[in-house]
All heavy atoms as atom14 arrays in JSON, in Angstrom:
{
  "sequence": "ESPYTNIREAAAHIPITTIYRQFPGFGYFILDSLALGNMFFPS",
  "atom14_mask": [
    [1, 1, 1, 1, 1, 1, 1, 1, 1, 0, 0, 0, 0, 0],
    [1, 1, 1, 1, 1, 1, 0, 0, 0, 0, 0, 0, 0, 0],
    [1, 1, 1, 1, 1, 1, 1, 0, 0, 0, 0, 0, 0, 0],
    [1, 1, 1, 1, 1, 1, 1, 1, 1, 1, 1, 1, 0, 0],
    [1, 1, 1, 1, 1, 1, 1, 0, 0, 0, 0, 0, 0, 0],
    [1, 1, 1, 1, 1, 1, 1, 1, 0, 0, 0, 0, 0, 0],
    [1, 1, 1, 1, 1, 1, 1, 1, 0, 0, 0, 0, 0, 0],
    [1, 1, 1, 1, 1, 1, 1, 1, 1, 1, 1, 0, 0, 0],
    [1, 1, 1, 1, 1, 1, 1, 1, 1, 0, 0, 0, 0, 0],
    [1, 1, 1, 1, 1, 0, 0, 0, 0, 0, 0, 0, 0, 0],
    [1, 1, 1, 1, 1, 0, 0, 0, 0, 0, 0, 0, 0, 0],
    [1, 1, 1, 1, 1, 0, 0, 0, 0, 0, 0, 0, 0, 0],
    [1, 1, 1, 1, 1, 1, 1, 1, 1, 1, 0, 0, 0, 0],
    [1, 1, 1, 1, 1, 1, 1, 1, 0, 0, 0, 0, 0, 0],
    [1, 1, 1, 1, 1, 1, 1, 0, 0, 0, 0, 0, 0, 0],
    [1, 1, 1, 1, 1, 1, 1, 1, 0, 0, 0, 0, 0, 0],
    [1, 1, 1, 1, 1, 1, 1, 0, 0, 0, 0, 0, 0, 0],
    [1, 1, 1, 1, 1, 1, 1, 0, 0, 0, 0, 0, 0, 0],
    [1, 1, 1, 1, 1, 1, 1, 1, 0, 0, 0, 0, 0, 0],
    [1, 1, 1, 1, 1, 1, 1, 1, 1, 1, 1, 1, 0, 0],
    [1, 1, 1, 1, 1, 1, 1, 1, 1, 1, 1, 0, 0, 0],
    [1, 1, 1, 1, 1, 1, 1, 1, 1, 0, 0, 0, 0, 0],
    [1, 1, 1, 1, 1, 1, 1, 1, 1, 1, 1, 0, 0, 0],
    [1, 1, 1, 1, 1, 1, 1, 0, 0, 0, 0, 0, 0, 0],
    [1, 1, 1, 1, 0, 0, 0, 0, 0, 0, 0, 0, 0, 0],
    [1, 1, 1, 1, 1, 1, 1, 1, 1, 1, 1, 0, 0, 0],
    [1, 1, 1, 1, 0, 0, 0, 0, 0, 0, 0, 0, 0, 0],
    [1, 1, 1, 1, 1, 1, 1, 1, 1, 1, 1, 1, 0, 0],
    [1, 1, 1, 1, 1, 1, 1, 1, 1, 1, 1, 0, 0, 0],
    [1, 1, 1, 1, 1, 1, 1, 1, 0, 0, 0, 0, 0, 0],
    [1, 1, 1, 1, 1, 1, 1, 1, 0, 0, 0, 0, 0, 0],
    [1, 1, 1, 1, 1, 1, 1, 1, 0, 0, 0, 0, 0, 0],
    [1, 1, 1, 1, 1, 1, 0, 0, 0, 0, 0, 0, 0, 0],
    [1, 1, 1, 1, 1, 1, 1, 1, 0, 0, 0, 0, 0, 0],
    [1, 1, 1, 1, 1, 0, 0, 0, 0, 0, 0, 0, 0, 0],
    [1, 1, 1, 1, 1, 1, 1, 1, 0, 0, 0, 0, 0, 0],
    [1, 1, 1, 1, 0, 0, 0, 0, 0, 0, 0, 0, 0, 0],
    [1, 1, 1, 1, 1, 1, 1, 1, 0, 0, 0, 0, 0, 0],
    [1, 1, 1, 1, 1, 1, 1, 1, 0, 0, 0, 0, 0, 0],
    [1, 1, 1, 1, 1, 1, 1, 1, 1, 1, 1, 0, 0, 0],
    [1, 1, 1, 1, 1, 1, 1, 1, 1, 1, 1, 0, 0, 0],
    [1, 1, 1, 1, 1, 1, 1, 0, 0, 0, 0, 0, 0, 0],
    [1, 1, 1, 1, 1, 1, 0, 0, 0, 0, 0, 0, 0, 0]
  ],
  "atom14_positions": [
    [[-29.78, 2.05, -36.16], [-29.81, 2.65, -37.48], [-30.41, 4.07, -37.43], [-31.54, 4.22, -36.96], [-30.65, 1.74, -38.37], [-30.78, 2.18, -39.81], [-31.66, 1.24, -40.65], [-32.0, 0.16, -40.14], [-32.06, 1.7, -41.72], [0.0, 0.0, 0.0], [0.0, 0.0, 0.0], [0.0, 0.0, 0.0], [0.0, 0.0, 0.0], [0.0, 0.0, 0.0]],
    [[-29.65, 5.03, -37.83], [-30.06, 6.43, -37.78], [-30.42, 6.85, -36.34], [-31.5, 7.38, -36.1], [-31.22, 6.73, -38.75], [-30.87, 6.38, -40.06], [0.0, 0.0, 0.0], [0.0, 0.0, 0.0], [0.0, 0.0, 0.0], [0.0, 0.0, 0.0], [0.0, 0.0, 0.0], [0.0, 0.0, 0.0], [0.0, 0.0, 0.0], [0.0, 0.0, 0.0]],
    [[-29.51, 6.68, -35.37], [-29.82, 6.94, -34.02], [-29.56, 8.41, -33.63], [-29.1, 9.21, -34.36], [-28.81, 6.09, -33.27], [-27.63, 6.15, -34.13], [-28.12, 6.15, -35.5], [0.0, 0.0, 0.0], [0.0, 0.0, 0.0], [0.0, 0.0, 0.0], [0.0, 0.0, 0.0], [0.0, 0.0, 0.0], [0.0, 0.0, 0.0], [0.0, 0.0, 0.0]],
    [[-29.93, 8.65, -32.4], [-29.74, 10.0, -31.73], [-29.22, 9.69, -30.32], [-29.22, 8.6, -29.86], [-31.07, 10.78, -31.66], [-32.19, 9.93, -31.07], [-32.43, 9.96, -29.76], [-32.96, 9.1, -31.89], [-33.42, 9.17, -29.15], [-33.93, 8.33, -31.35], [-34.18, 8.37, -29.98], [-35.15, 7.58, -29.42], [0.0, 0.0, 0.0], [0.0, 0.0, 0.0]],
    [[-28.81, 10.74, -29.65], [-28.26, 10.57, -28.28], [-29.37, 10.44, -27.26], [-29.36, 9.54, -26.47], [-27.38, 11.78, -27.94], [-28.1, 12.99, -28.25], [-26.11, 11.8, -28.71], [0.0, 0.0, 0.0], [0.0, 0.0, 0.0], [0.0, 0.0, 0.0], [0.0, 0.0, 0.0], [0.0, 0.0, 0.0], [0.0, 0.0, 0.0], [0.0, 0.0, 0.0]],
    [[-30.31, 11.41, -27.35], [-31.53, 11.35, -26.47], [-32.6, 12.17, -27.15], [-32.31, 12.9, -28.04], [-31.2, 11.9, -25.06], [-30.67, 13.32, -25.05], [-31.35, 14.25, -25.4], [-29.38, 13.47, -24.74], [0.0, 0.0, 0.0], [0.0, 0.0, 0.0], [0.0, 0.0, 0.0], [0.0, 0.0, 0.0], [0.0, 0.0, 0.0], [0.0, 0.0, 0.0]],
    [[-33.82, 11.98, -26.73], [-34.92, 12.59, -27.48], [-34.88, 14.1, -27.49], [-35.19, 14.75, -28.4], [-36.3, 12.02, -27.02], [-37.37, 12.28, -28.09], [-36.7, 12.62, -25.74], [-37.23, 11.38, -29.28], [0.0, 0.0, 0.0], [0.0, 0.0, 0.0], [0.0, 0.0, 0.0], [0.0, 0.0, 0.0], [0.0, 0.0, 0.0], [0.0, 0.0, 0.0]],
    [[-34.45, 14.72, -26.38], [-34.33, 16.13, -26.25], [-33.35, 16.69, -27.35], [-33.66, 17.66, -28.08], [-33.91, 16.54, -24.86], [-33.85, 18.08, -24.71], [-33.36, 18.5, -23.32], [-33.22, 19.88, -23.22], [-34.18, 20.7, -22.8], [-35.41, 20.22, -22.48], [-34.02, 21.99, -22.73], [0.0, 0.0, 0.0], [0.0, 0.0, 0.0], [0.0, 0.0, 0.0]],
    [[-32.24, 16.08, -27.42], [-31.22, 16.54, -28.35], [-31.68, 16.25, -29.82], [-31.44, 17.06, -30.72], [-29.87, 15.89, -28.12], [-28.72, 16.52, -28.9], [-27.39, 16.17, -28.36], [-27.23, 15.22, -27.51], [-26.39, 16.79, -28.8], [0.0, 0.0, 0.0], [0.0, 0.0, 0.0], [0.0, 0.0, 0.0], [0.0, 0.0, 0.0], [0.0, 0.0, 0.0]],
    [[-32.31, 15.18, -30.01], [-32.86, 14.87, -31.34], [-33.93, 15.94, -31.76], [-33.86, 16.5, -32.88], [-33.54, 13.48, -31.36], [0.0, 0.0, 0.0], [0.0, 0.0, 0.0], [0.0, 0.0, 0.0], [0.0, 0.0, 0.0], [0.0, 0.0, 0.0], [0.0, 0.0, 0.0], [0.0, 0.0, 0.0], [0.0, 0.0, 0.0], [0.0, 0.0, 0.0]],
    [[-34.82, 16.28, -30.86], [-35.87, 17.29, -31.16], [-35.22, 18.64, -31.41], [-35.75, 19.48, -32.21], [-36.85, 17.36, -30.02], [0.0, 0.0, 0.0], [0.0, 0.0, 0.0], [0.0, 0.0, 0.0], [0.0, 0.0, 0.0], [0.0, 0.0, 0.0], [0.0, 0.0, 0.0], [0.0, 0.0, 0.0], [0.0, 0.0, 0.0], [0.0, 0.0, 0.0]],
    [[-34.12, 18.88, -30.76], [-33.47, 20.22, -30.96], [-32.74, 20.28, -32.32], [-32.39, 21.38, -32.77], [-32.48, 20.48, -29.86], [0.0, 0.0, 0.0], [0.0, 0.0, 0.0], [0.0, 0.0, 0.0], [0.0, 0.0, 0.0], [0.0, 0.0, 0.0], [0.0, 0.0, 0.0], [0.0, 0.0, 0.0], [0.0, 0.0, 0.0], [0.0, 0.0, 0.0]],
    [[-32.55, 19.13, -32.97], [-31.8, 19.1, -34.26], [-32.59, 18.69, -35.46], [-32.03, 18.78, -36.54], [-30.56, 18.23, -34.08], [-29.47, 18.88, -33.18], [-29.46, 18.68, -31.85], [-28.45, 19.7, -33.51], [-28.43, 19.35, -31.35], [-27.83, 19.95, -32.34], [0.0, 0.0, 0.0], [0.0, 0.0, 0.0], [0.0, 0.0, 0.0], [0.0, 0.0, 0.0]],
    [[-33.75, 18.18, -35.26], [-34.5, 17.71, -36.45], [-34.89, 18.97, -37.29], [-35.21, 20.0, -36.73], [-35.7, 16.83, -36.15], [-36.72, 17.54, -35.26], [-35.26, 15.52, -35.55], [-37.96, 16.74, -34.96], [0.0, 0.0, 0.0], [0.0, 0.0, 0.0], [0.0, 0.0, 0.0], [0.0, 0.0, 0.0], [0.0, 0.0, 0.0], [0.0, 0.0, 0.0]],
    [[-34.86, 18.84, -38.58], [-35.09, 20.02, -39.45], [-36.47, 20.7, -39.25], [-36.57, 21.89, -39.34], [-35.06, 19.41, -40.84], [-34.18, 18.19, -40.72], [-34.46, 17.68, -39.35], [0.0, 0.0, 0.0], [0.0, 0.0, 0.0], [0.0, 0.0, 0.0], [0.0, 0.0, 0.0], [0.0, 0.0, 0.0], [0.0, 0.0, 0.0], [0.0, 0.0, 0.0]],
    [[-37.48, 19.95, -38.87], [-38.81, 20.56, -38.69], [-38.85, 21.64, -37.6], [-39.67, 22.48, -37.6], [-39.87, 19.49, -38.48], [-41.26, 20.07, -38.76], [-39.79, 18.9, -37.08], [-42.35, 19.06, -38.86], [0.0, 0.0, 0.0], [0.0, 0.0, 0.0], [0.0, 0.0, 0.0], [0.0, 0.0, 0.0], [0.0, 0.0, 0.0], [0.0, 0.0, 0.0]],
    [[-37.89, 21.52, -36.64], [-37.85, 22.46, -35.6], [-36.99, 23.71, -35.87], [-36.93, 24.64, -35.08], [-37.34, 21.85, -34.23], [-35.99, 21.41, -34.45], [-38.18, 20.73, -33.78], [0.0, 0.0, 0.0], [0.0, 0.0, 0.0], [0.0, 0.0, 0.0], [0.0, 0.0, 0.0], [0.0, 0.0, 0.0], [0.0, 0.0, 0.0], [0.0, 0.0, 0.0]],
    [[-36.38, 23.73, -37.06], [-35.44, 24.83, -37.4], [-36.11, 26.23, -37.25], [-35.57, 27.1, -36.62], [-34.9, 24.68, -38.84], [-34.27, 23.39, -38.96], [-33.94, 25.76, -39.23], [0.0, 0.0, 0.0], [0.0, 0.0, 0.0], [0.0, 0.0, 0.0], [0.0, 0.0, 0.0], [0.0, 0.0, 0.0], [0.0, 0.0, 0.0], [0.0, 0.0, 0.0]],
    [[-37.29, 26.37, -37.8], [-37.94, 27.72, -37.71], [-38.31, 28.06, -36.31], [-38.3, 29.21, -35.95], [-39.14, 27.7, -38.68], [-39.62, 29.13, -38.86], [-40.3, 26.84, -38.16], [-40.52, 29.35, -40.0], [0.0, 0.0, 0.0], [0.0, 0.0, 0.0], [0.0, 0.0, 0.0], [0.0, 0.0, 0.0], [0.0, 0.0, 0.0], [0.0, 0.0, 0.0]],
    [[-38.66, 27.09, -35.49], [-39.11, 27.37, -34.09], [-37.95, 27.67, -33.14], [-38.19, 28.26, -32.1], [-39.92, 26.15, -33.54], [-41.09, 25.94, -34.44], [-41.16, 24.77, -35.28], [-42.21, 26.79, -34.48], [-42.27, 24.53, -36.09], [-43.31, 26.54, -35.3], [-43.29, 25.47, -36.07], [-44.36, 25.19, -36.9], [0.0, 0.0, 0.0], [0.0, 0.0, 0.0]],
    [[-36.75, 27.23, -33.46], [-35.61, 27.43, -32.6], [-35.28, 28.89, -32.3], [-34.73, 29.23, -31.3], [-34.34, 26.76, -33.17], [-34.41, 25.24, -33.14], [-33.14, 24.63, -33.69], [-33.52, 23.44, -34.43], [-32.87, 22.97, -35.44], [-31.78, 23.54, -35.85], [-33.33, 21.88, -36.06], [0.0, 0.0, 0.0], [0.0, 0.0, 0.0], [0.0, 0.0, 0.0]],
    [[-35.67, 29.75, -33.28], [-35.34, 31.17, -33.07], [-36.29, 31.87, -32.17], [-35.99, 33.01, -31.64], [-35.37, 31.89, -34.39], [-36.74, 31.79, -35.11], [-36.72, 32.35, -36.56], [-35.92, 33.26, -36.82], [-37.49, 31.78, -37.44], [0.0, 0.0, 0.0], [0.0, 0.0, 0.0], [0.0, 0.0, 0.0], [0.0, 0.0, 0.0], [0.0, 0.0, 0.0]],
    [[-37.4, 31.26, -31.82], [-38.41, 31.91, -30.98], [-38.08, 31.7, -29.47], [-37.67, 30.57, -29.12], [-39.84, 31.36, -31.27], [-40.3, 31.82, -32.64], [-40.49, 30.78, -33.6], [-40.56, 33.06, -32.96], [-40.91, 31.07, -34.87], [-40.97, 33.4, -34.26], [-41.16, 32.43, -35.25], [0.0, 0.0, 0.0], [0.0, 0.0, 0.0], [0.0, 0.0, 0.0]],
    [[-38.34, 32.68, -28.66], [-38.17, 32.48, -27.21], [-39.15, 31.42, -26.74], [-40.28, 31.29, -27.21], [-38.5, 33.88, -26.59], [-38.65, 34.82, -27.75], [-38.79, 34.02, -29.0], [0.0, 0.0, 0.0], [0.0, 0.0, 0.0], [0.0, 0.0, 0.0], [0.0, 0.0, 0.0], [0.0, 0.0, 0.0], [0.0, 0.0, 0.0], [0.0, 0.0, 0.0]],
    [[-38.65, 30.66, -25.81], [-39.53, 29.58, -25.24], [-39.47, 28.32, -25.99], [-40.1, 27.34, -25.59], [0.0, 0.0, 0.0], [0.0, 0.0, 0.0], [0.0, 0.0, 0.0], [0.0, 0.0, 0.0], [0.0, 0.0, 0.0], [0.0, 0.0, 0.0], [0.0, 0.0, 0.0], [0.0, 0.0, 0.0], [0.0, 0.0, 0.0], [0.0, 0.0, 0.0]],
    [[-38.67, 28.23, -27.07], [-38.55, 26.93, -27.78], [-38.16, 25.77, -26.83], [-38.78, 24.73, -26.85], [-37.54, 27.05, -28.91], [-37.24, 25.68, -29.56], [-38.15, 25.09, -30.41], [-36.02, 25.06, -29.36], [-37.89, 23.87, -31.01], [-35.74, 23.85, -29.94], [-36.65, 23.3, -30.78], [0.0, 0.0, 0.0], [0.0, 0.0, 0.0], [0.0, 0.0, 0.0]],
    [[-37.15, 26.06, -26.03], [-36.65, 24.99, -25.09], [-37.79, 24.62, -24.13], [-37.93, 23.4, -23.9], [0.0, 0.0, 0.0], [0.0, 0.0, 0.0], [0.0, 0.0, 0.0], [0.0, 0.0, 0.0], [0.0, 0.0, 0.0], [0.0, 0.0, 0.0], [0.0, 0.0, 0.0], [0.0, 0.0, 0.0], [0.0, 0.0, 0.0], [0.0, 0.0, 0.0]],
    [[-38.44, 25.54, -23.59], [-39.47, 25.28, -22.58], [-40.68, 24.57, -23.25], [-41.1, 23.52, -22.76], [-39.96, 26.55, -21.9], [-41.11, 26.31, -20.95], [-40.87, 25.69, -19.75], [-42.35, 26.66, -21.31], [-41.95, 25.42, -18.84], [-43.47, 26.44, -20.47], [-43.25, 25.83, -19.27], [-44.26, 25.59, -18.42], [0.0, 0.0, 0.0], [0.0, 0.0, 0.0]],
    [[-41.24, 25.19, -24.27], [-42.49, 24.67, -24.86], [-42.32, 23.36, -25.63], [-43.18, 22.52, -25.65], [-43.17, 25.7, -25.75], [-43.75, 26.82, -24.99], [-43.21, 28.14, -25.06], [-44.82, 26.67, -24.15], [-43.76, 29.16, -24.33], [-45.41, 27.66, -23.37], [-44.87, 28.93, -23.5], [0.0, 0.0, 0.0], [0.0, 0.0, 0.0], [0.0, 0.0, 0.0]],
    [[-41.24, 23.23, -26.3], [-40.98, 22.02, -27.15], [-40.13, 21.02, -26.4], [-40.58, 19.84, -26.18], [-40.34, 22.41, -28.48], [-41.15, 23.46, -29.23], [-40.13, 21.15, -29.3], [-42.58, 22.99, -29.63], [0.0, 0.0, 0.0], [0.0, 0.0, 0.0], [0.0, 0.0, 0.0], [0.0, 0.0, 0.0], [0.0, 0.0, 0.0], [0.0, 0.0, 0.0]],
    [[-38.99, 21.35, -26.03], [-38.02, 20.41, -25.49], [-38.38, 19.99, -24.08], [-38.36, 18.77, -23.81], [-36.56, 20.94, -25.53], [-36.1, 21.33, -26.92], [-34.68, 21.89, -26.83], [-36.22, 20.24, -27.9], [0.0, 0.0, 0.0], [0.0, 0.0, 0.0], [0.0, 0.0, 0.0], [0.0, 0.0, 0.0], [0.0, 0.0, 0.0], [0.0, 0.0, 0.0]],
    [[-38.74, 20.88, -23.26], [-39.11, 20.53, -21.91], [-40.4, 19.75, -21.75], [-40.6, 18.96, -20.86], [-39.21, 21.78, -20.97], [-37.83, 22.41, -20.75], [-36.78, 21.74, -21.03], [-37.79, 23.57, -20.25], [0.0, 0.0, 0.0], [0.0, 0.0, 0.0], [0.0, 0.0, 0.0], [0.0, 0.0, 0.0], [0.0, 0.0, 0.0], [0.0, 0.0, 0.0]],
    [[-41.29, 19.97, -22.78], [-42.61, 19.24, -22.75], [-42.36, 17.75, -22.95], [-43.18, 16.92, -22.47], [-43.5, 19.78, -23.83], [-43.03, 19.52, -25.13], [0.0, 0.0, 0.0], [0.0, 0.0, 0.0], [0.0, 0.0, 0.0], [0.0, 0.0, 0.0], [0.0, 0.0, 0.0], [0.0, 0.0, 0.0], [0.0, 0.0, 0.0], [0.0, 0.0, 0.0]],
    [[-41.27, 17.4, -23.67], [-40.99, 15.95, -23.78], [-40.68, 15.34, -22.47], [-41.15, 14.28, -22.1], [-39.75, 15.79, -24.71], [-40.04, 16.09, -26.16], [-38.67, 16.18, -26.94], [-40.96, 15.13, -26.83], [0.0, 0.0, 0.0], [0.0, 0.0, 0.0], [0.0, 0.0, 0.0], [0.0, 0.0, 0.0], [0.0, 0.0, 0.0], [0.0, 0.0, 0.0]],
    [[-39.9, 16.03, -21.63], [-39.59, 15.54, -20.26], [-40.81, 15.48, -19.39], [-40.98, 14.58, -18.62], [-38.52, 16.45, -19.62], [0.0, 0.0, 0.0], [0.0, 0.0, 0.0], [0.0, 0.0, 0.0], [0.0, 0.0, 0.0], [0.0, 0.0, 0.0], [0.0, 0.0, 0.0], [0.0, 0.0, 0.0], [0.0, 0.0, 0.0], [0.0, 0.0, 0.0]],
    [[-41.67, 16.47, -19.53], [-42.93, 16.51, -18.71], [-43.8, 15.31, -19.09], [-44.6, 14.83, -18.3], [-43.71, 17.79, -18.94], [-43.01, 19.0, -18.34], [-43.8, 20.27, -18.79], [-42.96, 18.92, -16.85], [0.0, 0.0, 0.0], [0.0, 0.0, 0.0], [0.0, 0.0, 0.0], [0.0, 0.0, 0.0], [0.0, 0.0, 0.0], [0.0, 0.0, 0.0]],
    [[-43.65, 14.81, -20.35], [-44.4, 13.6, -20.77], [-43.68, 12.34, -20.55], [-44.03, 11.33, -21.14], [0.0, 0.0, 0.0], [0.0, 0.0, 0.0], [0.0, 0.0, 0.0], [0.0, 0.0, 0.0], [0.0, 0.0, 0.0], [0.0, 0.0, 0.0], [0.0, 0.0, 0.0], [0.0, 0.0, 0.0], [0.0, 0.0, 0.0], [0.0, 0.0, 0.0]],
    [[-42.59, 12.38, -19.78], [-41.76, 11.24, -19.49], [-41.21, 10.61, -20.75], [-41.19, 9.38, -20.88], [-42.51, 10.18, -18.65], [-42.69, 10.68, -17.24], [-41.79, 11.26, -16.65], [-43.86, 10.41, -16.68], [0.0, 0.0, 0.0], [0.0, 0.0, 0.0], [0.0, 0.0, 0.0], [0.0, 0.0, 0.0], [0.0, 0.0, 0.0], [0.0, 0.0, 0.0]],
    [[-40.78, 11.46, -21.66], [-40.18, 10.97, -22.95], [-38.73, 11.42, -22.91], [-38.42, 12.55, -23.09], [-40.9, 11.57, -24.15], [-42.38, 11.22, -24.24], [-42.65, 9.49, -24.63], [-42.55, 9.55, -26.37], [0.0, 0.0, 0.0], [0.0, 0.0, 0.0], [0.0, 0.0, 0.0], [0.0, 0.0, 0.0], [0.0, 0.0, 0.0], [0.0, 0.0, 0.0]],
    [[-37.82, 10.46, -22.72], [-36.4, 10.78, -22.6], [-35.58, 9.94, -23.65], [-34.67, 10.48, -24.22], [-35.84, 10.44, -21.18], [-36.54, 11.27, -20.1], [-37.55, 10.7, -19.35], [-36.23, 12.6, -19.89], [-38.21, 11.45, -18.38], [-36.86, 13.32, -18.95], [-37.87, 12.77, -18.17], [0.0, 0.0, 0.0], [0.0, 0.0, 0.0], [0.0, 0.0, 0.0]],
    [[-35.89, 8.69, -23.78], [-35.12, 7.8, -24.68], [-33.63, 8.15, -24.57], [-32.99, 8.53, -25.51], [-35.6, 7.9, -26.12], [-37.03, 7.4, -26.3], [-38.1, 8.31, -26.39], [-37.25, 6.07, -26.33], [-39.4, 7.84, -26.58], [-38.62, 5.52, -26.5], [-39.64, 6.47, -26.61], [0.0, 0.0, 0.0], [0.0, 0.0, 0.0], [0.0, 0.0, 0.0]],
    [[-33.05, 7.92, -23.45], [-31.65, 8.3, -23.18], [-30.6, 7.31, -23.69], [-29.87, 6.68, -22.94], [-31.6, 8.4, -21.65], [-32.52, 7.31, -21.22], [-33.62, 7.31, -22.25], [0.0, 0.0, 0.0], [0.0, 0.0, 0.0], [0.0, 0.0, 0.0], [0.0, 0.0, 0.0], [0.0, 0.0, 0.0], [0.0, 0.0, 0.0], [0.0, 0.0, 0.0]],
    [[-30.49, 7.17, -24.96], [-29.55, 6.22, -25.52], [-28.14, 6.53, -25.09], [-27.33, 5.63, -24.86], [-29.63, 6.18, -27.05], [-30.79, 5.61, -27.49], [0.0, 0.0, 0.0], [0.0, 0.0, 0.0], [0.0, 0.0, 0.0], [0.0, 0.0, 0.0], [0.0, 0.0, 0.0], [0.0, 0.0, 0.0], [0.0, 0.0, 0.0], [0.0, 0.0, 0.0]]
  ]
}
């Protein structure tokens, strides 16, 4: 119910990250930090 593909893609699309997506380093600081924390949820 209300799924996503994987946590990285979900984090890249949730509305709260909209403002941060425009800044350099968004992928590294936000999205890559999930992987560093062993958070993948690869549905």
